[in-house]
Amino acid sequence: MADDVLINKAAIIERTLRRIEEEYADDPKNLKDFLDFAKLALKEAKKKV
């Protein structure tokens, strides 16, 4: 069961990182709101853990 929890947490982190990459989209002008986005994404990930 502990393995399932770790796998689930890893999946949540991976989805969060993918979403951050999508938002950034290799465009530096997107970084002005990046911190706010990162906080929101991590907050959402935390809810799912």
PDB file of N, CA and C in Angstrom:
ATOM      1  N   MET A   1       0.823  -1.199   0.000  1.00  0.00           N
ATOM      2  CA  MET A   1       0.000   0.000   0.000  1.00  0.00           C
ATOM      3  C   MET A   1       0.864   1.258   0.000  1.00  0.00           C
ATOM      4  N   ALA A   2       1.961   1.240   0.742  1.00  0.00           N
ATOM      5  CA  ALA A   2       2.845   2.408   0.769  1.00  0.00           C
ATOM      6  C   ALA A   2       3.380   2.706  -0.622  1.00  0.00           C
ATOM      7  N   ASP A   3       3.636   1.649  -1.400  1.00  0.00           N
ATOM      8  CA  ASP A   3       4.109   1.849  -2.771  1.00  0.00           C
ATOM      9  C   ASP A   3       3.063   2.572  -3.607  1.00  0.00           C
ATOM     10  N   ASP A   4       1.782   2.230  -3.409  1.00  0.00           N
ATOM     11  CA  ASP A   4       0.708   2.891  -4.146  1.00  0.00           C
ATOM     12  C   ASP A   4       0.653   4.381  -3.820  1.00  0.00           C
ATOM     13  N   VAL A   5       0.850   4.707  -2.566  1.00  0.00           N
ATOM     14  CA  VAL A   5       0.836   6.111  -2.146  1.00  0.00           C
ATOM     15  C   VAL A   5       1.979   6.865  -2.816  1.00  0.00           C
ATOM     16  N   LEU A   6       3.160   6.267  -2.811  1.00  0.00           N
ATOM     17  CA  LEU A   6       4.317   6.917  -3.431  1.00  0.00           C
ATOM     18  C   LEU A   6       4.133   7.066  -4.933  1.00  0.00           C
ATOM     19  N   ILE A   7       3.581   6.051  -5.570  1.00  0.00           N
ATOM     20  CA  ILE A   7       3.329   6.122  -7.014  1.00  0.00           C
ATOM     21  C   ILE A   7       2.325   7.228  -7.311  1.00  0.00           C
ATOM     22  N   ASN A   8       1.281   7.332  -6.502  1.00  0.00           N
ATOM     23  CA  ASN A   8       0.273   8.373  -6.687  1.00  0.00           C
ATOM     24  C   ASN A   8       0.876   9.761  -6.501  1.00  0.00           C
ATOM     25  N   LYS A   9       1.671   9.938  -5.472  1.00  0.00           N
ATOM     26  CA  LYS A   9       2.307  11.238  -5.226  1.00  0.00           C
ATOM     27  C   LYS A   9       3.243  11.609  -6.368  1.00  0.00           C
ATOM     28  N   ALA A  10       4.000  10.640  -6.867  1.00  0.00           N
ATOM     29  CA  ALA A  10       4.902  10.896  -7.991  1.00  0.00           C
ATOM     30  C   ALA A  10       4.114  11.308  -9.227  1.00  0.00           C
ATOM     31  N   ALA A  11       2.980  10.668  -9.463  1.00  0.00           N
ATOM     32  CA  ALA A  11       2.145  11.010 -10.620  1.00  0.00           C
ATOM     33  C   ALA A  11       1.602  12.428 -10.498  1.00  0.00           C
ATOM     34  N   ILE A  12       1.210  12.816  -9.307  1.00  0.00           N
ATOM     35  CA  ILE A  12       0.704  14.174  -9.082  1.00  0.00           C
ATOM     36  C   ILE A  12       1.802  15.196  -9.362  1.00  0.00           C
ATOM     37  N   ILE A  13       2.994  14.931  -8.875  1.00  0.00           N
ATOM     38  CA  ILE A  13       4.119  15.844  -9.104  1.00  0.00           C
ATOM     39  C   ILE A  13       4.438  15.929 -10.585  1.00  0.00           C
ATOM     40  N   GLU A  14       4.430  14.796 -11.281  1.00  0.00           N
ATOM     41  CA  GLU A  14       4.704  14.802 -12.722  1.00  0.00           C
ATOM     42  C   GLU A  14       3.663  15.616 -13.483  1.00  0.00           C
ATOM     43  N   ARG A  15       2.389  15.457 -13.141  1.00  0.00           N
ATOM     44  CA  ARG A  15       1.336  16.242 -13.808  1.00  0.00           C
ATOM     45  C   ARG A  15       1.512  17.729 -13.531  1.00  0.00           C
ATOM     46  N   THR A  16       1.857  18.057 -12.300  1.00  0.00           N
ATOM     47  CA  THR A  16       2.064  19.459 -11.941  1.00  0.00           C
ATOM     48  C   THR A  16       3.222  20.052 -12.726  1.00  0.00           C
ATOM     49  N   LEU A  17       4.323  19.325 -12.831  1.00  0.00           N
ATOM     50  CA  LEU A  17       5.479  19.817 -13.583  1.00  0.00           C
ATOM     51  C   LEU A  17       5.159  19.964 -15.067  1.00  0.00           C
ATOM     52  N   ARG A  18       4.376  19.024 -15.617  1.00  0.00           N
ATOM     53  CA  ARG A  18       3.963  19.145 -17.029  1.00  0.00           C
ATOM     54  C   ARG A  18       3.134  20.401 -17.233  1.00  0.00           C
ATOM     55  N   ARG A  19       2.244  20.676 -16.301  1.00  0.00           N
ATOM     56  CA  ARG A  19       1.382  21.866 -16.414  1.00  0.00           C
ATOM     57  C   ARG A  19       2.224  23.138 -16.340  1.00  0.00           C
ATOM     58  N   ILE A  20       3.215  23.156 -15.481  1.00  0.00           N
ATOM     59  CA  ILE A  20       4.109  24.312 -15.388  1.00  0.00           C
ATOM     60  C   ILE A  20       4.847  24.499 -16.704  1.00  0.00           C
ATOM     61  N   GLU A  21       5.338  23.409 -17.288  1.00  0.00           N
ATOM     62  CA  GLU A  21       6.036  23.499 -18.575  1.00  0.00           C
ATOM     63  C   GLU A  21       5.110  24.021 -19.665  1.00  0.00           C
ATOM     64  N   GLU A  22       3.852  23.577 -19.662  1.00  0.00           N
ATOM     65  CA  GLU A  22       2.886  24.061 -20.647  1.00  0.00           C
ATOM     66  C   GLU A  22       2.673  25.562 -20.500  1.00  0.00           C
ATOM     67  N   GLU A  23       2.562  26.006 -19.275  1.00  0.00           N
ATOM     68  CA  GLU A  23       2.314  27.435 -19.029  1.00  0.00           C
ATOM     69  C   GLU A  23       3.520  28.272 -19.450  1.00  0.00           C
ATOM     70  N   TYR A  24       4.719  27.790 -19.140  1.00  0.00           N
ATOM     71  CA  TYR A  24       5.933  28.521 -19.498  1.00  0.00           C
ATOM     72  C   TYR A  24       6.113  28.554 -21.009  1.00  0.00           C
ATOM     73  N   ALA A  25       5.939  27.434 -21.669  1.00  0.00           N
ATOM     74  CA  ALA A  25       5.982  27.313 -23.136  1.00  0.00           C
ATOM     75  C   ALA A  25       7.230  27.941 -23.754  1.00  0.00           C
ATOM     76  N   ASP A  26       8.362  27.840 -23.069  1.00  0.00           N
ATOM     77  CA  ASP A  26       9.631  28.376 -23.575  1.00  0.00           C
ATOM     78  C   ASP A  26       9.555  29.846 -23.977  1.00  0.00           C
ATOM     79  N   ASP A  27       8.684  30.583 -23.329  1.00  0.00           N
ATOM     80  CA  ASP A  27       8.536  32.005 -23.637  1.00  0.00           C
ATOM     81  C   ASP A  27       8.820  32.803 -22.362  1.00  0.00           C
ATOM     82  N   PRO A  28       9.964  33.483 -22.300  1.00  0.00           N
ATOM     83  CA  PRO A  28      10.346  34.202 -21.077  1.00  0.00           C
ATOM     84  C   PRO A  28       9.304  35.206 -20.588  1.00  0.00           C
ATOM     85  N   LYS A  29       8.504  35.769 -21.483  1.00  0.00           N
ATOM     86  CA  LYS A  29       7.504  36.735 -21.011  1.00  0.00           C
ATOM     87  C   LYS A  29       6.446  36.065 -20.138  1.00  0.00           C
ATOM     88  N   ASN A  30       6.322  34.744 -20.257  1.00  0.00           N
ATOM     89  CA  ASN A  30       5.383  34.020 -19.405  1.00  0.00           C
ATOM     90  C   ASN A  30       5.887  33.909 -17.971  1.00  0.00           C
ATOM     91  N   LEU A  31       7.153  34.220 -17.757  1.00  0.00           N
ATOM     92  CA  LEU A  31       7.715  34.116 -16.409  1.00  0.00           C
ATOM     93  C   LEU A  31       7.215  35.197 -15.468  1.00  0.00           C
ATOM     94  N   LYS A  32       6.651  36.279 -15.981  1.00  0.00           N
ATOM     95  CA  LYS A  32       6.193  37.337 -15.076  1.00  0.00           C
ATOM     96  C   LYS A  32       5.112  36.828 -14.128  1.00  0.00           C
ATOM     97  N   ASP A  33       4.319  35.870 -14.573  1.00  0.00           N
ATOM     98  CA  ASP A  33       3.288  35.295 -13.731  1.00  0.00           C
ATOM     99  C   ASP A  33       3.633  33.869 -13.304  1.00  0.00           C
ATOM    100  N   PHE A  34       4.856  33.456 -13.594  1.00  0.00           N
ATOM    101  CA  PHE A  34       5.251  32.072 -13.328  1.00  0.00           C
ATOM    102  C   PHE A  34       5.178  31.733 -11.849  1.00  0.00           C
ATOM    103  N   LEU A  35       5.624  32.630 -10.997  1.00  0.00           N
ATOM    104  CA  LEU A  35       5.622  32.338  -9.567  1.00  0.00           C
ATOM    105  C   LEU A  35       4.201  32.119  -9.069  1.00  0.00           C
ATOM    106  N   ASP A  36       3.286  32.967  -9.487  1.00  0.00           N
ATOM    107  CA  ASP A  36       1.895  32.783  -9.092  1.00  0.00           C
ATOM    108  C   ASP A  36       1.357  31.454  -9.609  1.00  0.00           C
ATOM    109  N   PHE A  37       1.704  31.142 -10.859  1.00  0.00           N
ATOM    110  CA  PHE A  37       1.241  29.884 -11.426  1.00  0.00           C
ATOM    111  C   PHE A  37       1.829  28.699 -10.669  1.00  0.00           C
ATOM    112  N   ALA A  38       3.110  28.770 -10.365  1.00  0.00           N
ATOM    113  CA  ALA A  38       3.771  27.674  -9.654  1.00  0.00           C
ATOM    114  C   ALA A  38       3.134  27.463  -8.284  1.00  0.00           C
ATOM    115  N   LYS A  39       2.841  28.547  -7.589  1.00  0.00           N
ATOM    116  CA  LYS A  39       2.193  28.432  -6.283  1.00  0.00           C
ATOM    117  C   LYS A  39       0.833  27.752  -6.412  1.00  0.00           C
ATOM    118  N   LEU A  40       0.063  28.172  -7.413  1.00  0.00           N
ATOM    119  CA  LEU A  40      -1.253  27.590  -7.623  1.00  0.00           C
ATOM    120  C   LEU A  40      -1.151  26.107  -7.966  1.00  0.00           C
ATOM    121  N   ALA A  41      -0.235  25.765  -8.856  1.00  0.00           N
ATOM    122  CA  ALA A  41      -0.078  24.370  -9.274  1.00  0.00           C
ATOM    123  C   ALA A  41       0.332  23.492  -8.099  1.00  0.00           C
ATOM    124  N   LEU A  42       1.252  23.978  -7.279  1.00  0.00           N
ATOM    125  CA  LEU A  42       1.691  23.193  -6.124  1.00  0.00           C
ATOM    126  C   LEU A  42       0.589  23.085  -5.068  1.00  0.00           C
ATOM    127  N   LYS A  43      -0.186  24.153  -4.928  1.00  0.00           N
ATOM    128  CA  LYS A  43      -1.305  24.123  -3.990  1.00  0.00           C
ATOM    129  C   LYS A  43      -2.327  23.066  -4.425  1.00  0.00           C
ATOM    130  N   GLU A  44      -2.615  23.018  -5.727  1.00  0.00           N
ATOM    131  CA  GLU A  44      -3.550  22.028  -6.245  1.00  0.00           C
ATOM    132  C   GLU A  44      -2.993  20.620  -6.077  1.00  0.00           C
ATOM    133  N   ALA A  45      -1.702  20.461  -6.322  1.00  0.00           N
ATOM    134  CA  ALA A  45      -1.079  19.146  -6.164  1.00  0.00           C
ATOM    135  C   ALA A  45      -1.155  18.697  -4.706  1.00  0.00           C
ATOM    136  N   LYS A  46      -0.958  19.632  -3.797  1.00  0.00           N
ATOM    137  CA  LYS A  46      -0.997  19.300  -2.369  1.00  0.00           C
ATOM    138  C   LYS A  46      -2.388  18.801  -1.967  1.00  0.00           C
ATOM    139  N   LYS A  47      -3.434  19.393  -2.554  1.00  0.00           N
ATOM    140  CA  LYS A  47      -4.799  18.967  -2.242  1.00  0.00           C
ATOM    141  C   LYS A  47      -5.026  17.514  -2.631  1.00  0.00           C
ATOM    142  N   LYS A  48      -4.347  17.081  -3.683  1.00  0.00           N
ATOM    143  CA  LYS A  48      -4.572  15.741  -4.217  1.00  0.00           C
ATOM    144  C   LYS A  48      -3.729  14.682  -3.524  1.00  0.00           C
ATOM    145  N   VAL A  49      -2.821  15.107  -2.656  1.00  0.00           N
ATOM    146  CA  VAL A  49      -1.927  14.142  -1.990  1.00  0.00           C
ATOM    147  C   VAL A  49      -2.602  13.579  -0.761  1.00  0.00           C
TER     148      VAL A  49
END
